[in-house]
Protein backbone atom coordinates (compact mmCIF):
# COMPACT_ATOMS: atom_id res chain seq x y z
CA MET A 1 -84.50 103.21 9.45
CA ASN A 2 -86.43 100.17 8.54
CA TYR A 3 -84.27 99.55 5.57
CA LEU A 4 -81.24 99.36 8.12
CA ALA A 5 -83.03 97.05 10.49
CA HIS A 6 -83.81 94.69 7.56
CA ALA A 7 -80.28 94.78 6.21
CA SER A 8 -78.91 94.19 9.78
CA ARG A 9 -81.14 91.00 10.14
CA LEU A 10 -80.28 89.77 6.69
CA SER A 11 -76.55 90.21 7.37
CA ARG A 12 -76.99 88.06 10.63
CA TRP A 13 -78.66 85.43 8.73
CA LEU A 14 -76.07 85.31 6.12
CA LEU A 15 -73.38 85.09 8.83
CA LEU A 16 -75.15 82.38 10.49
CA ALA A 17 -75.52 80.46 7.27
CA ALA A 18 -71.67 80.94 6.31
CA VAL A 19 -70.80 79.86 9.92
CA SER A 20 -72.85 76.78 9.75
CA ALA A 21 -72.53 75.56 6.25
CA PRO A 22 -68.94 74.01 6.88
CA LEU A 23 -70.62 72.14 9.82
CA ALA A 24 -73.29 70.33 7.90
CA PRO A 25 -70.97 68.19 5.96
CA ALA A 26 -68.98 67.09 9.14
CA THR A 27 -72.34 66.16 10.67
CA ALA A 28 -73.39 64.31 7.57
CA ILE A 29 -69.98 62.56 7.40
CA ALA A 30 -70.25 61.57 11.15
CA ALA A 31 -73.58 59.97 10.60
CA ASP A 32 -72.66 58.11 7.64
CA ARG A 33 -69.49 56.91 9.46
CA ALA A 34 -71.66 55.87 12.49
CA ALA A 35 -73.90 53.85 10.30
CA LEU A 36 -70.92 52.46 8.40
CA GLU A 37 -69.35 51.34 11.66
CA SER A 38 -72.47 49.81 13.04
CA ASP A 39 -72.90 47.80 9.67
CA ALA A 40 -69.35 46.71 9.57
CA SER A 41 -69.45 45.68 13.16
CA LYS A 42 -72.62 43.67 12.78
CA ALA A 43 -71.25 41.95 9.74
CA TYR A 44 -68.03 41.01 11.51
CA ARG A 45 -69.70 39.63 14.60
CA LYS A 46 -72.07 37.59 12.18
CA LEU A 47 -68.83 36.13 10.21
CA ILE A 48 -67.04 35.20 13.37
CA ALA A 49 -70.12 33.49 14.69
CA LYS A 50 -70.91 31.54 11.60
CA LEU A 51 -67.35 30.48 10.51
CA PRO A 52 -65.00 29.07 13.19
CA VAL A 53 -62.02 29.95 10.97
CA ALA A 54 -63.01 33.64 10.87
CA LYS A 55 -63.11 33.41 14.72
CA ALA A 56 -59.62 31.71 14.74
CA LEU A 57 -58.14 34.32 12.44
CA SER A 58 -59.60 37.19 14.50
CA LYS A 59 -57.80 36.01 17.51
CA GLU A 60 -54.41 35.85 15.60
CA ALA A 61 -54.88 38.91 13.45
CA VAL A 62 -53.38 42.36 14.53
CA ALA A 63 -56.32 44.00 12.83
CA VAL A 64 -59.46 43.20 10.63
CA LEU A 65 -60.62 45.48 7.79
CA VAL A 66 -64.46 44.88 7.22
CA PHE A 67 -66.31 45.90 3.93
CA PRO A 68 -69.93 45.10 5.08
CA LYS A 69 -71.30 45.79 1.48
CA ILE A 70 -69.47 46.04 -1.88
CA THR A 71 -71.55 46.46 -5.15
CA LYS A 72 -70.03 45.07 -8.10
CA ALA A 73 -71.59 45.20 -11.67
CA GLY A 74 -70.45 44.82 -15.28
CA LEU A 75 -71.23 44.22 -18.79
CA MET A 76 -67.82 43.53 -20.56
CA VAL A 77 -66.52 46.41 -18.45
CA GLY A 78 -67.22 46.13 -14.68
CA GLY A 79 -66.55 47.95 -11.49
CA GLN A 80 -66.95 47.57 -7.84
CA TYR A 81 -67.00 49.98 -4.86
CA GLY A 82 -67.75 49.94 -1.10
CA ASP A 83 -66.69 51.40 2.15
CA GLY A 84 -65.34 49.75 5.09
CA VAL A 85 -63.82 50.06 8.75
CA LEU A 86 -60.54 48.84 10.11
CA PHE A 87 -60.83 47.45 13.74
CA LYS A 88 -57.64 47.00 15.89
CA ASP A 89 -57.65 46.02 19.39
CA GLY A 90 -61.45 45.99 19.31
CA LYS A 91 -61.67 49.58 18.29
CA THR A 92 -62.19 51.57 15.13
CA ALA A 93 -58.87 52.50 13.76
CA GLY A 94 -59.89 53.97 10.45
CA TYR A 95 -62.16 54.29 7.53
CA TYR A 96 -61.61 52.80 4.01
CA ASN A 97 -63.03 52.48 0.52
CA THR A 98 -62.31 49.87 -2.07
CA ALA A 99 -62.73 50.29 -5.57
CA GLY A 100 -61.73 48.27 -8.67
CA ALA A 101 -62.39 47.95 -12.54
CA SER A 102 -62.36 44.96 -14.72
CA TYR A 103 -62.98 43.97 -18.21
CA GLY A 104 -63.47 40.88 -20.21
CA LEU A 105 -66.21 38.42 -20.49
CA GLN A 106 -68.55 39.41 -17.66
CA VAL A 107 -72.15 40.08 -17.05
CA GLY A 108 -74.25 40.75 -14.00
CA ALA A 109 -74.68 42.57 -10.77
CA GLN A 110 -73.78 41.35 -7.27
CA GLN A 111 -73.36 42.67 -3.56
CA TYR A 112 -71.16 41.04 -1.29
CA GLY A 113 -68.91 41.90 1.73
CA TYR A 114 -65.47 40.92 2.74
CA ALA A 115 -63.11 40.95 5.73
CA MET A 116 -59.41 41.28 5.54
CA PHE A 117 -57.53 39.85 8.46
CA PHE A 118 -53.89 41.32 8.77
CA MET A 119 -51.85 38.69 10.42
CA ASN A 120 -48.89 40.98 11.22
CA GLU A 121 -47.89 44.60 11.55
CA GLU A 122 -45.90 44.64 8.27
CA SER A 123 -48.87 43.65 6.43
CA LEU A 124 -51.03 46.27 8.10
CA GLN A 125 -48.54 49.12 7.56
CA THR A 126 -48.86 48.58 3.71
CA LEU A 127 -52.61 49.46 3.94
CA ASN A 128 -51.78 52.97 5.00
CA LYS A 129 -49.32 53.80 2.09
CA ALA A 130 -49.93 57.34 0.83
CA ASP A 131 -51.20 56.04 -2.63
CA GLY A 132 -53.37 53.32 -1.43
CA PHE A 133 -53.08 49.49 -1.07
CA GLU A 134 -53.44 47.59 -4.23
CA VAL A 135 -54.86 44.01 -3.78
CA GLY A 136 -52.28 41.52 -5.58
CA VAL A 137 -49.31 43.82 -5.05
CA GLY A 138 -47.36 43.50 -1.93
CA PRO A 139 -48.14 41.15 0.89
CA SER A 140 -49.51 37.84 0.03
CA ILE A 141 -53.40 37.54 0.25
CA VAL A 142 -55.22 34.36 0.48
CA VAL A 143 -58.87 35.19 -0.83
CA VAL A 144 -61.34 32.50 0.44
CA ASP A 145 -64.99 32.28 0.09
CA GLN A 146 -67.33 30.92 2.92
CA GLY A 147 -67.16 27.34 1.40
CA MET A 148 -63.32 27.36 1.37
CA ALA A 149 -63.02 28.93 4.62
CA ARG A 150 -64.57 25.76 6.15
CA SER A 151 -61.65 23.81 5.15
CA LEU A 152 -59.01 26.33 6.42
CA THR A 153 -57.74 25.77 9.93
CA SER A 154 -55.57 28.24 12.15
CA THR A 155 -52.68 25.85 11.90
CA THR A 156 -52.68 26.29 8.15
CA THR A 157 -52.66 29.96 8.24
CA ARG A 158 -49.20 31.14 7.28
CA GLU A 159 -49.89 34.07 4.91
CA ASP A 160 -49.77 37.81 5.76
CA ILE A 161 -53.42 38.74 4.94
CA TYR A 162 -56.64 36.38 4.73
CA ALA A 163 -59.55 37.74 3.21
CA ILE A 164 -62.99 36.03 3.46
CA ILE A 165 -65.73 36.83 1.11
CA PHE A 166 -69.33 36.75 2.59
CA SER A 167 -73.05 37.57 2.17
CA GLN A 168 -73.03 37.24 -1.69
CA LYS A 169 -76.21 38.38 -3.40
CA GLY A 170 -77.00 38.50 -7.09
CA LEU A 171 -75.35 36.70 -10.12
CA MET A 172 -72.11 37.48 -11.63
CA ALA A 173 -69.60 35.16 -13.06
CA GLY A 174 -66.23 35.42 -11.24
CA LEU A 175 -65.54 36.96 -8.09
CA GLY A 176 -62.19 38.10 -6.79
CA LEU A 177 -60.37 40.96 -5.08
CA GLN A 178 -57.27 41.27 -7.60
CA GLY A 179 -57.04 44.71 -8.88
CA ASN A 180 -58.98 46.37 -6.19
CA LYS A 181 -57.39 49.49 -4.61
CA ILE A 182 -58.10 50.20 -0.99
CA THR A 183 -57.64 53.72 0.15
CA ARG A 184 -57.93 55.40 3.62
CA LEU A 185 -60.76 57.95 3.98
CA THR A 186 -59.85 61.11 5.54
CA GLU A 187 -61.89 63.79 7.19
């Protein structure tokens, strides 16, 4: 009898573990997404407070994709990666990642963020293609750092997408978004 009671208790624990195991990653993903959304929102608010052109672009844009932290490193061959949040009409509209590889004369490591201002629905629709969005292929993108952004005005903005690079830390020769692929995160 004692053996049956022990087996029954063990089977209940195994059933509980089997049922709750799939829920653990969902909880972790939700917590990670909440932290990412918070970081992206803070970075976005800071950017539009600091750069008048970012504020002007945000008023004209149909959506803004914010990557609060991209890590880039390289020694001849380099790579970069980061996660971001798409904001549309003041609400979260999706989660994305960006990744890229490069080769050539490069050395160093750097962290930075960037915000992409989608100025029309057509450019925004290219973001959600099934195979991802490749920067440099498709709609025209103007990439500006904070120094260049100061000379850009809302009356000179005529492109599909504007990307503003911000919060650069570290040292690495060359900074650009060409060759990056942006993919919508599922789940």
